[in-house]
């Protein structure tokens, strides 16, 4: 009974793990190239260079930490490798996820433009809740990938900070580790600079999420506010599943239409159309007045000519 029981337990565990993996990764793609490879394949090398630079930066931080030779199951190793994996996954989702397409037909966009929709000059199209264009992900940050970008900055900052603190804890090194110190020195300097920058950037974006603002709205000083409370503001970007807010597996549930539409373009165009319609009528009226004036002049001339003939007959 024991072997049969152990086989059932093993089969149950394999079945449960397979369902968990399928739930996290979604339905399998059959005969389809990974989206990240499609991004590199469909772009020239010049446009893909920021992506390579970002990947090289993450590799520099990882190699700097691995040169410390920390125990695999130690707390710094667990935190570093977990945050690095989540940062890499968030980066991939930020690069490959569409920032947010306007959910309206093309012929409607000129008549009913949703609020918080802006034109991205790099992508050459409208983006819902556009935040900014990031060259390090070669994509525009909008409604659909803002969460992944936010998590990418967070987990990258955590990984760089762990590398810095682990390196400071390992110093001073003895003679046999001098060569390792020479290799790790530039990496530690780079990680410290990167951590300082990323934490500042993450704090700024945290403020924007709490106030339901975008970088574009903050820089240009838009007066209209969309703040509906702390938790609703976070839900619009991070999604309704609060347990998955810090996981790059689910995105936002918003479609970008709940902020209303801009109809000012229609009202501004109507007076112009009315003026254009009135101009021909005014021109026609002017032509009629000219014809009337010409007719009066001809009648006056005929009357004058008749009077002159009458006078000349009397004198004869």
Protein backbone atom coordinates (compact mmCIF):
# COMPACT_ATOMS: atom_id res chain seq x y z
CA UNK A 1 0.00 0.00 0.00
CA UNK A 2 2.89 2.37 0.74
CA UNK A 3 4.26 2.51 -2.86
CA UNK A 4 0.77 2.94 -4.25
CA UNK A 5 0.03 5.71 -1.73
CA UNK A 6 3.31 7.53 -2.49
CA UNK A 7 2.59 7.31 -6.21
CA UNK A 8 -0.81 8.93 -5.67
CA UNK A 9 0.72 11.73 -3.64
CA UNK A 10 3.41 12.37 -6.26
CA UNK A 11 0.83 12.38 -9.04
CA UNK A 12 -1.36 14.81 -7.09
CA UNK A 13 1.58 17.17 -6.47
CA UNK A 14 2.60 17.11 -10.14
CA UNK A 15 -0.98 17.80 -11.18
CA UNK A 16 -1.29 20.72 -8.73
CA UNK A 17 2.03 22.26 -9.78
CA UNK A 18 1.13 21.97 -13.47
CA UNK A 19 -2.17 23.80 -12.89
CA UNK A 20 -0.45 26.55 -10.88
CA UNK A 21 2.12 27.10 -13.65
CA UNK A 22 -0.61 27.20 -16.31
CA UNK A 23 -2.60 29.69 -14.25
CA UNK A 24 0.42 32.00 -13.85
CA UNK A 25 1.69 31.77 -17.40
CA UNK A 26 -1.66 31.66 -19.19
CA UNK A 27 -2.57 29.46 -22.14
CA UNK A 28 0.42 28.07 -24.05
CA UNK A 29 1.33 29.64 -27.36
CA UNK A 30 1.45 27.08 -30.13
CA UNK A 31 4.16 27.62 -32.76
CA UNK A 32 4.55 31.28 -31.86
CA UNK A 33 7.82 33.12 -31.33
CA UNK A 34 8.30 34.77 -27.93
CA UNK A 35 7.15 38.37 -27.92
CA UNK A 36 10.47 39.70 -26.68
CA UNK A 37 12.28 38.10 -29.63
CA UNK A 38 9.68 39.59 -31.95
CA UNK A 39 10.49 43.03 -30.56
CA UNK A 40 14.19 42.59 -31.33
CA UNK A 41 13.50 41.05 -34.74
CA UNK A 42 11.08 43.75 -35.91
CA UNK A 43 13.29 46.68 -34.93
CA UNK A 44 16.63 47.88 -36.29
CA UNK A 45 19.70 47.57 -34.12
CA UNK A 46 19.75 51.30 -33.34
CA UNK A 47 16.25 51.16 -31.84
CA UNK A 48 17.07 47.96 -29.91
CA UNK A 49 20.30 49.33 -28.40
CA UNK A 50 18.53 50.81 -25.30
CA UNK A 51 17.07 47.38 -24.59
CA UNK A 52 20.53 45.81 -24.79
CA UNK A 53 21.92 48.54 -22.53
CA UNK A 54 19.21 47.89 -19.93
CA UNK A 55 19.84 44.13 -20.07
CA UNK A 56 23.59 44.73 -19.70
CA UNK A 57 22.93 46.92 -16.64
CA UNK A 58 20.94 44.14 -14.97
CA UNK A 59 23.71 41.70 -15.85
CA UNK A 60 26.32 43.99 -14.27
CA UNK A 61 24.42 44.09 -10.99
CA UNK A 62 23.97 40.30 -11.06
CA UNK A 63 27.64 39.59 -11.74
CA UNK A 64 28.68 42.01 -8.99
CA UNK A 65 26.57 40.10 -6.47
CA UNK A 66 27.68 36.66 -7.67
CA UNK A 67 31.35 37.61 -7.16
CA UNK A 68 30.61 37.77 -3.41
CA UNK A 69 30.01 33.99 -3.39
CA UNK A 70 27.20 34.26 -0.84
CA UNK A 71 25.45 31.12 0.47
CA UNK A 72 22.61 30.18 -1.86
CA UNK A 73 20.01 29.89 0.92
CA UNK A 74 21.07 33.02 2.80
CA UNK A 75 18.64 35.92 3.16
CA UNK A 76 20.57 38.30 0.84
CA UNK A 77 20.73 35.63 -1.88
CA UNK A 78 17.03 34.82 -1.65
CA UNK A 79 16.03 38.50 -1.73
CA UNK A 80 18.46 39.34 -4.53
CA UNK A 81 17.62 36.48 -6.88
CA UNK A 82 13.87 36.80 -6.24
CA UNK A 83 13.86 40.54 -6.90
CA UNK A 84 16.10 40.08 -9.95
CA UNK A 85 13.76 37.48 -11.44
CA UNK A 86 10.70 39.67 -10.82
CA UNK A 87 12.53 42.70 -12.26
CA UNK A 88 13.44 40.76 -15.42
CA UNK A 89 9.87 39.52 -15.83
CA UNK A 90 8.45 43.01 -15.24
CA UNK A 91 10.88 44.44 -17.78
CA UNK A 92 9.82 41.86 -20.36
CA UNK A 93 6.13 42.64 -19.77
CA UNK A 94 6.81 46.39 -20.04
CA UNK A 95 8.57 45.94 -23.36
CA UNK A 96 6.08 43.56 -24.96
CA UNK A 97 2.75 44.88 -23.60
CA UNK A 98 0.82 47.41 -25.66
CA UNK A 99 0.69 50.67 -23.66
CA UNK A 100 -3.01 51.17 -24.30
CA UNK A 101 -4.95 51.46 -27.53
CA UNK A 102 -7.92 53.81 -27.76
CA UNK A 103 -10.97 51.49 -27.45
CA UNK A 104 -12.94 53.31 -30.14
CA UNK A 105 -13.26 52.98 -33.91
CA UNK A 106 -10.88 55.13 -35.91
CA UNK A 107 -13.62 57.34 -37.34
CA UNK A 108 -14.80 58.18 -33.81
CA UNK A 109 -11.48 59.44 -32.50
CA UNK A 110 -11.86 62.88 -34.07
CA UNK A 111 -15.40 63.33 -32.73
CA UNK A 112 -15.21 61.72 -29.26
CA UNK A 113 -11.70 61.76 -27.88
CA UNK A 114 -11.39 60.10 -24.45
CA UNK A 115 -9.76 62.16 -21.75
CA UNK A 116 -6.13 61.46 -20.80
CA UNK A 117 -5.40 60.27 -24.34
CA UNK A 118 -2.24 61.76 -25.85
CA UNK A 119 -0.34 61.28 -29.07
CA UNK A 120 3.03 59.51 -28.81
CA UNK A 121 5.43 60.91 -31.39
CA UNK A 122 7.66 57.82 -31.29
CA UNK A 123 4.89 55.25 -31.71
CA UNK A 124 2.94 57.69 -33.93
CA UNK A 125 -0.46 56.88 -32.41
CA UNK A 126 -2.71 57.78 -29.49
CA UNK A 127 -2.04 56.14 -26.11
CA UNK A 128 -4.57 55.92 -23.27
CA UNK A 129 -3.32 57.51 -20.03
CA UNK A 130 0.09 58.16 -21.52
CA UNK A 131 2.77 58.68 -18.88
CA UNK A 132 5.97 59.05 -20.90
CA UNK A 133 8.12 57.29 -23.46
CA UNK A 134 10.96 55.26 -21.92
CA UNK A 135 13.96 54.53 -24.15
CA UNK A 136 15.24 51.80 -21.81
CA UNK A 137 12.19 49.68 -22.58
CA UNK A 138 11.74 51.02 -26.13
CA UNK A 139 8.05 51.49 -25.45
CA UNK A 140 5.59 54.11 -24.31
CA UNK A 141 4.32 53.82 -20.74
CA UNK A 142 0.54 53.91 -20.75
CA UNK A 143 -2.48 52.46 -19.00
CA UNK A 144 -1.82 48.80 -19.85
CA UNK A 145 1.89 48.56 -18.98
CA UNK A 146 2.28 51.20 -16.26
CA UNK A 147 2.04 48.55 -13.54
CA UNK A 148 4.82 46.45 -15.08
CA UNK A 149 7.03 49.51 -15.42
CA UNK A 150 6.39 50.46 -11.79
CA UNK A 151 7.29 46.95 -10.58
CA UNK A 152 10.37 46.89 -12.82
CA UNK A 153 11.69 50.04 -11.14
CA UNK A 154 10.83 48.70 -7.66
CA UNK A 155 12.48 45.28 -7.98
CA UNK A 156 15.52 46.69 -9.79
CA UNK A 157 16.02 49.13 -6.92
CA UNK A 158 15.74 46.29 -4.38
CA UNK A 159 18.26 44.13 -6.25
CA UNK A 160 20.76 46.98 -6.57
CA UNK A 161 20.39 47.87 -2.87
CA UNK A 162 20.97 44.26 -1.76
CA UNK A 163 24.11 44.14 -3.88
CA UNK A 164 25.43 47.32 -2.25
CA UNK A 165 24.70 46.22 1.32
CA UNK A 166 26.09 42.71 0.76
CA UNK A 167 29.29 44.16 -0.68
CA UNK A 168 29.71 46.54 2.27
CA UNK A 169 29.16 43.65 4.69
CA UNK A 170 31.81 41.53 2.95
CA UNK A 171 34.53 44.18 3.25
CA UNK A 172 37.36 44.30 4.15
CA UNK A 173 38.62 41.44 2.02
CA UNK A 174 41.85 39.59 2.58
CA UNK A 175 44.68 38.96 0.14
CA UNK A 176 43.13 36.02 -1.66
CA UNK A 177 40.11 38.13 -2.57
CA UNK A 178 41.91 41.24 -3.87
CA UNK A 179 41.32 40.25 -7.48
CA UNK A 180 37.65 39.71 -6.69
CA UNK A 181 37.55 43.18 -5.10
CA UNK A 182 39.05 44.73 -8.25
CA UNK A 183 36.37 43.10 -10.38
CA UNK A 184 33.55 43.92 -8.01
CA UNK A 185 34.51 47.54 -7.32
CA UNK A 186 33.05 49.07 -10.50
CA UNK A 187 29.95 46.90 -10.11
CA UNK A 188 29.37 48.13 -6.55
CA UNK A 189 29.81 51.76 -7.63
CA UNK A 190 27.37 51.20 -10.47
CA UNK A 191 24.86 49.46 -8.18
CA UNK A 192 24.98 52.25 -5.60
CA UNK A 193 24.37 54.91 -8.27
CA UNK A 194 21.61 52.83 -9.83
CA UNK A 195 19.92 52.19 -6.47
CA UNK A 196 19.88 55.89 -5.57
CA UNK A 197 18.41 56.84 -8.94
CA UNK A 198 15.81 54.08 -9.00
CA UNK A 199 14.57 54.69 -5.46
CA UNK A 200 14.06 58.38 -6.25
CA UNK A 201 12.26 57.49 -9.47
CA UNK A 202 10.12 54.89 -7.69
CA UNK A 203 9.14 57.38 -5.00
CA UNK A 204 8.08 59.90 -7.64
CA UNK A 205 5.92 57.33 -9.44
CA UNK A 206 4.43 56.18 -6.14
CA UNK A 207 3.31 59.75 -5.52
CA UNK A 208 1.81 59.90 -9.01
CA UNK A 209 -0.09 56.64 -8.50
CA UNK A 210 -1.48 57.80 -5.17
CA UNK A 211 -2.70 61.05 -6.75
CA UNK A 212 -3.86 59.39 -10.00
CA UNK A 213 -1.57 61.53 -12.12
CA UNK A 214 0.83 60.85 -14.96
CA UNK A 215 4.26 62.29 -15.58
CA UNK A 216 2.89 64.20 -18.57
CA UNK A 217 0.10 65.74 -16.51
CA UNK A 218 2.53 66.61 -13.69
CA UNK A 219 5.09 68.27 -15.97
CA UNK A 220 2.56 70.25 -18.01
CA UNK A 221 0.61 71.25 -14.90
CA UNK A 222 -2.86 70.12 -15.95
CA UNK A 223 -5.47 71.65 -13.65
CA UNK A 224 -8.05 68.88 -14.04
CA UNK A 225 -7.71 66.25 -11.33
CA UNK A 226 -8.69 62.58 -11.40
CA UNK A 227 -8.02 61.79 -7.73
CA UNK A 228 -10.80 59.51 -6.45
CA UNK A 229 -9.12 58.24 -3.28
CA UNK A 230 -5.97 56.30 -2.44
CA UNK A 231 -7.19 52.73 -2.93
CA UNK A 232 -9.29 53.44 -6.07
CA UNK A 233 -6.32 55.29 -7.57
CA UNK A 234 -4.03 52.31 -7.01
CA UNK A 235 -6.68 49.89 -8.27
CA UNK A 236 -6.93 51.69 -11.62
CA UNK A 237 -3.28 50.93 -12.40
CA UNK A 238 -2.42 47.84 -10.32
CA UNK A 239 -5.70 45.99 -10.90
CA UNK A 240 -8.54 44.75 -8.75
CA UNK A 241 -6.64 41.73 -7.37
CA UNK A 242 -4.83 43.31 -4.44
CA UNK A 243 -2.92 40.12 -3.69
CA UNK A 244 -1.33 40.41 -7.14
CA UNK A 245 -0.42 44.08 -6.94
CA UNK A 246 3.28 43.29 -6.50
CA UNK A 247 3.32 40.45 -9.04
CA UNK A 248 3.80 41.08 -12.79
CA UNK A 249 1.24 38.44 -13.79
CA UNK A 250 -1.95 40.52 -13.98
CA UNK A 251 -2.56 44.00 -15.31
CA UNK A 252 -5.18 46.69 -14.97
CA UNK A 253 -8.88 46.09 -15.51
CA UNK A 254 -9.58 49.62 -16.71
CA UNK A 255 -10.35 50.41 -20.35
CA UNK A 256 -9.60 54.13 -20.25
CA UNK A 257 -13.17 55.35 -20.83
CA UNK A 258 -14.25 55.98 -17.24
CA UNK A 259 -12.76 59.50 -17.27
CA UNK A 260 -15.19 60.74 -19.90
CA UNK A 261 -14.74 62.31 -23.32
CA UNK A 262 -13.60 65.63 -24.74
CA UNK A 263 -16.28 67.27 -26.88
CA UNK A 264 -14.74 70.74 -27.10
CA UNK A 265 -13.51 70.09 -30.61
CA UNK A 266 -17.09 69.69 -31.84
CA UNK A 267 -18.31 72.90 -30.17
CA UNK A 268 -15.31 74.83 -31.49
CA UNK A 269 -15.88 73.64 -35.04
CA UNK A 270 -19.59 74.49 -35.19
CA UNK A 271 -19.22 78.32 -35.17
CA UNK A 272 -16.61 78.06 -37.90
CA UNK A 273 -18.95 75.95 -40.01
CA UNK A 274 -21.80 78.42 -39.43
CA UNK A 275 -19.57 81.33 -40.45
CA UNK A 276 -18.50 79.45 -43.56
CA UNK A 277 -22.15 78.78 -44.35
CA UNK A 278 -23.11 82.44 -43.86
CA UNK A 279 -20.36 83.86 -46.03
CA UNK A 280 -21.90 82.69 -49.37
CA UNK A 281 -25.29 84.11 -48.32
CA UNK A 282 -23.70 87.46 -47.56
CA UNK A 283 -21.92 87.42 -50.90
CA UNK A 284 -25.20 86.66 -52.69
CA UNK A 285 -26.87 89.53 -50.86
CA UNK A 286 -24.10 91.89 -51.89
CA UNK A 287 -24.49 90.83 -55.53
CA UNK A 288 -28.24 91.46 -55.42
CA UNK A 289 -27.69 94.92 -53.95
CA UNK A 290 -25.21 95.71 -56.72
CA UNK A 291 -27.75 94.61 -59.35
CA UNK A 292 -30.43 96.83 -57.80
CA UNK A 293 -28.09 99.82 -57.75
CA UNK A 294 -27.14 99.27 -61.39
CA UNK A 295 -30.83 99.06 -62.35
CA UNK A 296 -31.59 102.35 -60.59
CA UNK A 297 -28.69 104.07 -62.35
CA UNK A 298 -29.96 102.90 -65.76
CA UNK A 299 -33.50 104.19 -64.99
CA UNK A 300 -32.11 107.55 -63.89
CA UNK A 301 -30.04 107.83 -67.05
CA UNK A 302 -33.07 107.04 -69.25
CA UNK A 303 -35.17 109.66 -67.44
CA UNK A 304 -32.45 112.28 -67.87
CA UNK A 305 -32.15 111.42 -71.54
CA UNK A 306 -35.94 111.80 -72.03
CA UNK A 307 -36.00 115.19 -70.31
CA UNK A 308 -33.21 116.46 -72.48
CA UNK A 309 -35.08 115.40 -75.70
CA UNK A 310 -38.23 117.07 -74.44
CA UNK A 311 -36.39 120.35 -73.75
CA UNK A 312 -34.64 120.30 -77.08
CA UNK A 313 -38.04 119.84 -78.86
CA UNK A 314 -39.50 122.88 -77.11
CA UNK A 315 -36.61 125.10 -78.08
CA UNK A 316 -37.09 124.15 -81.74
